[in-house]
Amino acid sequence: MVKIRIPNKKMKNTSTTKTAKSWKKIISLPVIVVVSAFVIGGSVYHVAHADTIQEQINALQNENANNQSVVDQLQNQAASYEDAIRLLNSQIASLQAQINDNLATQSALQTQIQEKQAQLEQQKRALGEDIKSIYVNGKMSTVEMLATSQDLSHFVDAETYRGAVQTKIQSTLNEIAKIQGQLKSQKDQVEVLLQTQKNQQSQIVSAQQEQSKLLAMNESQQSTYNQKLKGNQSKIEELQRKQAALNAQGSSRVTISGDERGGSCDAGNGNGGYRLASGGSGDVCDAPKDSILDWAGIENRECTSYAYWYFKRVLGNSDFSARGDAKMWVDTSNYPVHDWPKVGAIGVKTAGTYGHVTIVQAVGPTTWKGVSVPAGQVLTSEMNSDFTGKFSYMLRDIVSMQYIYK
């Protein structure tokens, strides 16, 4: 049912009692039905298709692992698209700022052109008067100007004035041409720059739209795979419920009055002291299941982490070792394996791909902490039998498990 990775430096061949050998003979008989049953002490223990259920769970988990890998890749790809979009948006904003500056420059130039145009109109009117004066005076010859002048100085002043007016006319015309040329050149440059920037902005907007399109496609793909993950997870949960039902066959939950309580792994029956098993590495009982490793390097709140800790630390079997999933302990344990229990033994259910392990607290017929244990049954302490990571006490049929002890 749960995986475990415990280093095993020394492996011994599994040994069995005489009773175990007889059971092996029974088990080795040809199987002609998918589901059979043992009747012990009035209880019915079913041997069901746990392997098939776990194989389906494994297949769905593998598919989800592949789907999650694709989602992770899509998320990385989406991050690249988002970075590209942010960069393009920054470039668009930068170009827009430049365009706004150039539009302001264009507007300022237009204002200057209008101001210069008004000045030119004013100068034109003034020049018109000057030209009229020159034209009128120009009808007179030099002799006539000299004859009509009051004196020589008046003649000189008039001649000088006419020359000055002519010079002013030429200078003003030159200035007008120069200003008009400068303003036109600046305006042409701004218009070319604006067109270039608008073209660049259009290209960047097109690129940004393409990136947004790719991002939308990516998010659609992520949604598809996330739906697959969600659907598979629902199937896994359903299969786990079926597996938990198999684990519960031949058993019933009991409550021990006054037992130690506390911690998230407490299902109303205490925690068996498991929360003290962290060895300073964290509270393995309160942490979410499989979120941390306990003192032995096993995922917390699994049946294997509890049984391994209790058998070695609480019961003092310090030289014990086993490796692999729970069901593999009957093959990898360095302690003998038996078909009949004793108090303190590790009970191993081998149904399913992972199996399940427990600690035997009492062997019936007896009474343990106020609980009557019938003949043919054992009372066990265990964890995660129903995939919740909770601690519990159970009455189980003896024949439903094999037992590890010296």
Protein backbone atom coordinates (compact mmCIF):
# COMPACT_ATOMS: atom_id res chain seq x y z
CA MET A 1 0.00 0.00 0.00
CA VAL A 2 2.85 2.37 0.74
CA LYS A 3 6.41 2.53 -0.41
CA ILE A 4 9.41 2.48 1.88
CA ARG A 5 13.07 3.00 1.24
CA ILE A 6 14.98 1.46 4.17
CA PRO A 7 18.63 0.50 3.65
CA ASN A 8 19.19 -3.17 4.34
CA LYS A 9 22.84 -4.04 4.83
CA LYS A 10 22.10 -7.70 5.59
CA MET A 11 19.40 -9.95 4.19
CA LYS A 12 18.46 -13.39 5.42
CA ASN A 13 16.26 -16.02 3.79
CA THR A 14 12.73 -16.09 5.17
CA SER A 15 12.10 -18.91 7.61
CA THR A 16 8.72 -20.32 8.51
CA THR A 17 7.28 -22.54 11.19
CA LYS A 18 5.72 -25.90 10.55
CA THR A 19 2.36 -24.20 10.49
CA ALA A 20 3.63 -21.79 7.86
CA LYS A 21 4.69 -24.69 5.62
CA SER A 22 1.26 -26.24 5.87
CA TRP A 23 -0.32 -22.97 4.91
CA LYS A 24 2.04 -22.72 1.94
CA LYS A 25 0.75 -26.10 0.74
CA ILE A 26 -2.78 -24.81 0.94
CA ILE A 27 -1.86 -21.58 -0.83
CA SER A 28 -0.06 -23.54 -3.57
CA LEU A 29 -3.26 -25.41 -4.55
CA PRO A 30 -4.61 -24.55 -8.03
CA VAL A 31 -6.68 -21.37 -8.01
CA ILE A 32 -9.98 -21.81 -9.80
CA VAL A 33 -11.82 -18.68 -8.64
CA VAL A 34 -10.93 -15.02 -8.51
CA VAL A 35 -12.34 -14.47 -5.02
CA SER A 36 -12.20 -17.04 -2.23
CA ALA A 37 -12.81 -16.82 1.51
CA PHE A 38 -11.48 -18.17 4.81
CA VAL A 39 -13.84 -18.56 7.73
CA ILE A 40 -12.03 -18.13 11.06
CA GLY A 41 -13.78 -17.59 14.35
CA GLY A 42 -16.95 -16.52 12.60
CA SER A 43 -15.14 -13.89 10.49
CA VAL A 44 -14.86 -14.06 6.73
CA TYR A 45 -11.51 -13.03 5.24
CA HIS A 46 -11.66 -12.36 1.49
CA VAL A 47 -8.71 -12.67 -0.86
CA ALA A 48 -9.64 -10.17 -3.55
CA HIS A 49 -8.09 -8.61 -6.63
CA ALA A 50 -5.85 -6.14 -4.78
CA ASP A 51 -3.04 -6.47 -7.33
CA THR A 52 -5.36 -5.41 -10.14
CA ILE A 53 -6.53 -2.38 -8.19
CA GLN A 54 -2.99 -1.32 -7.32
CA GLU A 55 -1.86 -1.83 -10.90
CA GLN A 56 -4.58 0.58 -11.99
CA ILE A 57 -3.48 3.05 -9.32
CA ASN A 58 0.13 2.72 -10.45
CA ALA A 59 -0.85 3.22 -14.10
CA LEU A 60 -2.85 6.35 -13.26
CA GLN A 61 -0.05 7.69 -11.07
CA ASN A 62 2.45 7.14 -13.89
CA GLU A 63 0.12 8.87 -16.33
CA ASN A 64 -0.30 11.75 -13.90
CA ALA A 65 3.46 11.98 -13.49
CA ASN A 66 3.80 12.26 -17.27
CA ASN A 67 0.94 14.76 -17.44
CA GLN A 68 2.50 16.82 -14.66
CA SER A 69 5.81 16.80 -16.54
CA VAL A 70 4.02 18.18 -19.61
CA VAL A 71 2.27 20.82 -17.48
CA ASP A 72 5.61 21.84 -15.96
CA GLN A 73 7.10 22.19 -19.44
CA LEU A 74 4.10 24.20 -20.59
CA GLN A 75 4.38 26.44 -17.55
CA ASN A 76 8.06 27.09 -18.32
CA GLN A 77 7.11 27.81 -21.92
CA ALA A 78 4.31 30.10 -20.76
CA ALA A 79 6.77 31.97 -18.57
CA SER A 80 8.92 32.58 -21.68
CA TYR A 81 5.89 33.86 -23.57
CA GLU A 82 4.99 36.13 -20.67
CA ASP A 83 8.56 37.46 -20.50
CA ALA A 84 8.50 38.14 -24.24
CA ILE A 85 5.15 39.92 -23.94
CA ARG A 86 6.43 42.05 -21.06
CA LEU A 87 9.53 42.98 -23.08
CA LEU A 88 7.45 43.82 -26.15
CA ASN A 89 5.03 45.85 -24.07
CA SER A 90 8.00 47.75 -22.65
CA GLN A 91 9.28 48.43 -26.16
CA ILE A 92 5.81 49.53 -27.28
CA ALA A 93 5.59 51.90 -24.32
CA SER A 94 9.08 53.27 -25.02
CA LEU A 95 8.26 53.90 -28.67
CA GLN A 96 4.96 55.49 -27.73
CA ALA A 97 6.81 57.86 -25.41
CA GLN A 98 9.17 58.79 -28.25
CA ILE A 99 6.22 59.23 -30.61
CA ASN A 100 4.53 61.46 -28.04
CA ASP A 101 7.72 63.54 -27.74
CA ASN A 102 7.95 63.88 -31.52
CA LEU A 103 4.27 64.77 -31.77
CA ALA A 104 4.91 67.47 -29.19
CA THR A 105 7.89 68.66 -31.24
CA GLN A 106 5.75 68.62 -34.37
CA SER A 107 3.08 70.65 -32.58
CA ALA A 108 5.70 73.12 -31.33
CA LEU A 109 7.10 73.50 -34.85
CA GLN A 110 3.63 74.12 -36.19
CA THR A 111 3.13 76.81 -33.56
CA GLN A 112 6.46 78.38 -34.52
CA ILE A 113 5.48 78.24 -38.18
CA GLN A 114 2.20 80.01 -37.40
CA GLU A 115 4.02 82.61 -35.31
CA LYS A 116 6.58 83.20 -38.05
CA GLN A 117 3.79 83.37 -40.61
CA ALA A 118 2.08 86.09 -38.56
CA GLN A 119 5.36 87.98 -38.30
CA LEU A 120 5.85 87.66 -42.05
CA GLU A 121 2.37 89.01 -42.68
CA GLN A 122 3.14 91.98 -40.46
CA GLN A 123 6.46 92.55 -42.21
CA LYS A 124 4.73 92.27 -45.56
CA ARG A 125 2.39 95.09 -44.61
CA ALA A 126 5.29 97.23 -43.42
CA LEU A 127 7.27 96.45 -46.55
CA GLY A 128 4.28 97.33 -48.64
CA GLU A 129 4.34 100.83 -47.21
CA ASP A 130 8.09 101.03 -47.70
CA ILE A 131 7.87 99.78 -51.27
CA LYS A 132 5.08 102.26 -51.96
CA SER A 133 7.21 105.05 -50.61
CA ILE A 134 10.17 103.94 -52.70
CA TYR A 135 7.97 103.58 -55.75
CA VAL A 136 6.58 107.11 -55.34
CA ASN A 137 9.96 108.61 -54.68
CA GLY A 138 11.45 106.50 -57.42
CA LYS A 139 9.45 108.52 -60.00
CA MET A 140 11.73 111.43 -59.30
CA SER A 141 15.13 111.73 -60.79
CA THR A 142 18.15 112.67 -58.76
CA VAL A 143 18.04 116.25 -60.18
CA GLU A 144 14.34 116.50 -59.33
CA MET A 145 14.98 115.20 -55.77
CA LEU A 146 17.80 117.71 -55.39
CA ALA A 147 15.59 120.54 -56.77
CA THR A 148 12.68 119.76 -54.49
CA SER A 149 14.82 119.24 -51.42
CA GLN A 150 14.84 122.08 -48.94
CA ASP A 151 18.56 121.77 -48.64
CA LEU A 152 21.41 119.43 -49.39
CA SER A 153 21.13 117.56 -46.14
CA HIS A 154 17.49 116.76 -46.85
CA PHE A 155 18.48 115.30 -50.19
CA VAL A 156 21.18 113.16 -48.62
CA ASP A 157 18.73 111.90 -45.97
CA ALA A 158 16.13 110.94 -48.56
CA GLU A 159 18.68 109.11 -50.70
CA THR A 160 20.05 107.32 -47.66
CA TYR A 161 16.55 106.35 -46.53
CA ARG A 162 15.71 104.91 -49.92
CA GLY A 163 18.87 102.81 -49.90
CA ALA A 164 18.19 101.65 -46.39
CA VAL A 165 14.66 100.61 -47.30
CA GLN A 166 15.93 98.66 -50.27
CA THR A 167 18.50 96.88 -48.07
CA LYS A 168 15.85 96.11 -45.44
CA ILE A 169 13.56 94.63 -48.07
CA GLN A 170 16.29 92.28 -49.29
CA SER A 171 17.33 91.30 -45.75
CA THR A 172 13.74 90.59 -44.74
CA LEU A 173 13.15 88.47 -47.81
CA ASN A 174 16.33 86.51 -47.10
CA GLU A 175 15.29 85.96 -43.47
CA ILE A 176 11.84 84.84 -44.54
CA ALA A 177 13.32 82.29 -46.97
CA LYS A 178 15.74 81.01 -44.32
CA ILE A 179 13.10 80.56 -41.61
CA GLN A 180 10.73 78.86 -44.01
CA GLY A 181 13.50 76.46 -45.12
CA GLN A 182 14.49 75.59 -41.52
CA LEU A 183 10.92 74.99 -40.38
CA LYS A 184 10.16 72.85 -43.42
CA SER A 185 13.31 70.79 -42.93
CA GLN A 186 12.54 70.19 -39.24
CA LYS A 187 8.94 69.31 -39.98
CA ASP A 188 9.99 66.85 -42.70
CA GLN A 189 12.47 65.19 -40.32
CA VAL A 190 9.85 64.84 -37.58
CA GLU A 191 7.33 63.36 -40.02
CA VAL A 192 9.87 60.79 -41.27
CA LEU A 193 10.82 59.88 -37.68
CA LEU A 194 7.18 59.57 -36.68
CA GLN A 195 6.44 57.28 -39.61
CA THR A 196 9.47 55.10 -38.77
CA GLN A 197 8.45 54.85 -35.13
CA LYS A 198 4.85 54.04 -36.01
CA ASN A 199 6.07 51.26 -38.34
CA GLN A 200 8.27 49.87 -35.56
CA GLN A 201 5.41 50.05 -33.10
CA SER A 202 3.13 48.24 -35.55
CA GLN A 203 5.70 45.42 -35.92
CA ILE A 204 6.12 45.12 -32.16
CA VAL A 205 2.35 45.08 -31.62
CA SER A 206 2.11 42.29 -34.21
CA ALA A 207 4.83 40.33 -32.37
CA GLN A 208 3.07 40.94 -29.06
CA GLN A 209 -0.21 39.67 -30.49
CA GLU A 210 1.56 36.54 -31.76
CA GLN A 211 3.08 35.91 -28.32
CA SER A 212 -0.32 36.44 -26.71
CA LYS A 213 -1.82 33.95 -29.15
CA LEU A 214 0.87 31.38 -28.28
CA LEU A 215 0.32 32.02 -24.58
CA ALA A 216 -3.43 31.48 -24.98
CA MET A 217 -2.76 28.19 -26.79
CA ASN A 218 -0.32 27.21 -24.05
CA GLU A 219 -2.84 27.98 -21.32
CA SER A 220 -5.45 25.94 -23.19
CA GLN A 221 -3.05 22.99 -23.29
CA GLN A 222 -2.31 23.42 -19.59
CA SER A 223 -6.03 23.41 -18.87
CA THR A 224 -6.44 20.18 -20.86
CA TYR A 225 -3.64 18.41 -18.99
CA ASN A 226 -4.80 19.77 -15.64
CA GLN A 227 -8.24 18.32 -16.36
CA LYS A 228 -6.56 14.98 -17.09
CA LEU A 229 -4.63 15.24 -13.82
CA LYS A 230 -7.81 16.04 -11.94
CA GLY A 231 -9.71 13.20 -13.59
CA ASN A 232 -6.94 10.69 -12.90
CA GLN A 233 -6.65 11.86 -9.31
CA SER A 234 -10.36 11.20 -8.84
CA LYS A 235 -9.87 7.70 -10.25
CA ILE A 236 -6.86 7.16 -7.95
CA GLU A 237 -8.91 8.22 -4.93
CA GLU A 238 -11.65 5.80 -5.92
CA LEU A 239 -9.14 3.00 -6.36
CA GLN A 240 -7.55 3.87 -3.02
CA ARG A 241 -10.93 3.58 -1.39
CA LYS A 242 -11.22 0.11 -2.88
CA GLN A 243 -7.68 -0.74 -1.72
CA ALA A 244 -8.49 0.56 1.75
CA ALA A 245 -11.56 -1.67 1.75
CA LEU A 246 -9.33 -4.63 0.94
CA ASN A 247 -7.00 -3.67 3.79
CA ALA A 248 -9.99 -3.51 6.11
CA GLN A 249 -11.24 -6.98 5.23
CA GLY A 250 -10.97 -9.37 8.14
CA SER A 251 -10.58 -6.46 10.57
CA SER A 252 -12.49 -3.99 12.72
CA ARG A 253 -11.42 -0.73 14.34
CA VAL A 254 -11.38 -0.46 18.14
CA THR A 255 -10.92 2.43 20.55
CA ILE A 256 -8.49 2.18 23.46
CA SER A 257 -9.67 4.28 26.39
CA GLY A 258 -7.02 6.56 27.92
CA ASP A 259 -4.42 5.96 25.21
CA GLU A 260 -1.96 8.73 24.38
CA ARG A 261 -3.56 11.35 22.14
CA GLY A 262 -2.49 14.33 20.10
CA GLY A 263 -1.20 15.27 16.69
CA SER A 264 -2.71 15.23 13.23
CA CYS A 265 -2.20 11.48 12.90
CA ASP A 266 -4.62 10.87 15.79
CA ALA A 267 -7.82 9.32 14.44
CA GLY A 268 -9.47 9.28 17.88
CA ASN A 269 -7.37 6.36 19.10
CA GLY A 270 -4.18 8.16 20.09
CA ASN A 271 -0.99 8.09 18.08
CA GLY A 272 0.99 5.28 19.67
CA GLY A 273 3.70 7.76 20.62
CA TYR A 274 4.59 8.13 16.95
CA ARG A 275 4.92 11.91 17.17
CA LEU A 276 8.04 11.36 19.30
CA ALA A 277 9.74 9.46 16.47
CA SER A 278 11.17 12.46 14.66
CA GLY A 279 14.51 12.42 16.44
CA GLY A 280 14.65 16.21 16.25
CA SER A 281 13.94 16.40 12.51
CA GLY A 282 10.36 17.66 12.86
CA ASP A 283 7.01 16.50 14.18
CA VAL A 284 6.24 13.54 11.93
CA CYS A 285 2.73 13.22 13.35
CA ASP A 286 1.58 16.78 12.59
CA ALA A 287 3.35 17.16 9.25
CA PRO A 288 1.26 16.23 6.17
CA LYS A 289 1.67 12.61 5.10
CA ASP A 290 4.80 11.95 3.02
CA SER A 291 5.96 15.56 3.46
CA ILE A 292 9.06 14.78 5.56
CA LEU A 293 11.33 11.85 6.34
CA ASP A 294 11.44 10.42 9.84
CA TRP A 295 14.52 9.37 11.81
CA ALA A 296 14.96 6.26 9.64
CA GLY A 297 14.61 8.15 6.35
CA ILE A 298 11.08 6.89 5.68
CA GLU A 299 8.16 9.07 4.56
CA ASN A 300 6.17 10.11 7.62
CA ARG A 301 2.78 8.72 8.62
CA GLU A 302 3.08 5.57 6.51
CA CYS A 303 2.42 2.08 7.87
CA THR A 304 6.08 1.23 7.28
CA SER A 305 7.48 4.29 9.09
CA TYR A 306 5.32 3.58 12.16
CA ALA A 307 6.03 -0.19 12.28
CA TYR A 308 9.77 0.24 11.68
CA TRP A 309 10.04 2.87 14.43
CA TYR A 310 7.93 0.91 16.95
CA PHE A 311 9.64 -2.44 16.34
CA LYS A 312 13.15 -0.98 16.64
CA ARG A 313 12.80 1.91 19.09
CA VAL A 314 9.89 0.96 21.36
CA LEU A 315 10.35 -2.82 21.37
CA GLY A 316 14.16 -2.68 21.26
CA ASN A 317 14.81 -4.76 18.15
CA SER A 318 17.72 -2.54 17.23
CA ASP A 319 19.31 -5.03 14.82
CA PHE A 320 16.15 -5.40 12.73
CA SER A 321 16.23 -4.38 9.07
CA ALA A 322 13.94 -4.74 6.10
CA ARG A 323 13.64 -3.00 2.81
CA GLY A 324 11.15 -2.40 0.06
CA ASP A 325 7.41 -1.95 0.22
CA ALA A 326 5.44 -3.32 3.16
CA LYS A 327 4.57 -6.60 1.42
CA MET A 328 8.28 -7.16 0.65
CA TRP A 329 9.22 -7.32 4.31
CA VAL A 330 8.41 -11.04 4.42
CA ASP A 331 11.23 -11.50 1.88
CA THR A 332 13.73 -8.81 2.91
CA SER A 333 13.51 -8.97 6.71
CA ASN A 334 16.58 -10.23 8.58
CA TYR A 335 14.18 -11.71 11.16
CA PRO A 336 12.26 -14.98 10.63
CA VAL A 337 8.75 -14.91 9.19
CA HIS A 338 5.93 -16.96 10.76
CA ASP A 339 2.31 -17.75 10.06
CA TRP A 340 1.38 -17.57 13.75
CA PRO A 341 1.69 -14.33 15.74
CA LYS A 342 3.08 -13.34 19.05
CA VAL A 343 2.87 -10.08 20.97
CA GLY A 344 5.33 -7.53 19.58
CA ALA A 345 5.54 -9.11 16.14
CA ILE A 346 5.25 -7.18 12.89
CA GLY A 347 2.10 -8.27 11.08
CA VAL A 348 2.41 -8.16 7.28
CA LYS A 349 -0.49 -8.11 4.83
CA THR A 350 0.78 -8.98 1.37
CA ALA A 351 -2.41 -8.16 -0.56
CA GLY A 352 -1.92 -5.48 -3.18
CA THR A 353 1.24 -4.14 -4.73
CA TYR A 354 2.45 -2.42 -1.57
CA GLY A 355 0.82 -4.46 1.19
CA HIS A 356 0.47 -3.24 4.77
CA VAL A 357 2.38 -3.69 8.06
CA THR A 358 1.16 -3.52 11.67
CA ILE A 359 2.40 -4.14 15.22
CA VAL A 360 0.77 -6.99 17.17
CA GLN A 361 -0.25 -5.76 20.63
CA ALA A 362 -2.30 -8.80 21.73
CA VAL A 363 -3.15 -12.31 20.55
CA GLY A 364 -6.62 -13.71 21.30
CA PRO A 365 -8.24 -15.01 23.27
CA THR A 366 -7.31 -12.28 25.75
CA THR A 367 -8.24 -8.81 26.97
CA TRP A 368 -5.93 -5.87 26.28
CA LYS A 369 -6.52 -2.43 27.78
CA GLY A 370 -10.17 -3.23 28.26
CA VAL A 371 -10.67 -4.62 24.74
CA SER A 372 -11.69 -8.26 24.31
CA VAL A 373 -9.60 -10.00 21.65
CA PRO A 374 -11.40 -13.15 20.40
CA ALA A 375 -9.66 -16.38 19.53
CA GLY A 376 -8.33 -16.38 15.99
CA GLN A 377 -7.71 -12.64 16.05
CA VAL A 378 -4.95 -10.22 16.99
CA LEU A 379 -5.16 -6.63 18.16
CA THR A 380 -2.77 -4.41 16.21
CA SER A 381 -1.57 -0.82 16.30
CA GLU A 382 -0.94 0.65 12.86
CA MET A 383 -0.97 3.68 10.65
CA ASN A 384 -2.35 4.66 7.24
CA SER A 385 -4.45 1.55 6.69
CA ASP A 386 -7.07 3.71 4.95
CA PHE A 387 -4.65 6.09 3.13
CA THR A 388 -5.36 8.95 5.55
CA GLY A 389 -2.09 8.78 7.46
CA LYS A 390 -4.03 8.20 10.69
CA PHE A 391 -3.10 5.97 13.61
CA SER A 392 -5.53 3.24 14.66
CA TYR A 393 -6.04 0.06 16.68
CA MET A 394 -7.54 -2.87 14.77
CA LEU A 395 -8.79 -6.39 15.45
CA ARG A 396 -7.55 -8.54 12.56
CA ASP A 397 -7.95 -12.20 11.65
CA ILE A 398 -4.76 -14.08 12.37
CA VAL A 399 -4.72 -15.74 8.93
CA SER A 400 -4.89 -12.37 7.18
CA MET A 401 -1.21 -11.67 7.92
CA GLN A 402 2.24 -13.19 8.26
CA TYR A 403 4.42 -12.27 11.24
CA ILE A 404 8.01 -11.15 11.68
CA TYR A 405 9.78 -11.85 14.98
CA LYS A 406 12.66 -13.84 16.44
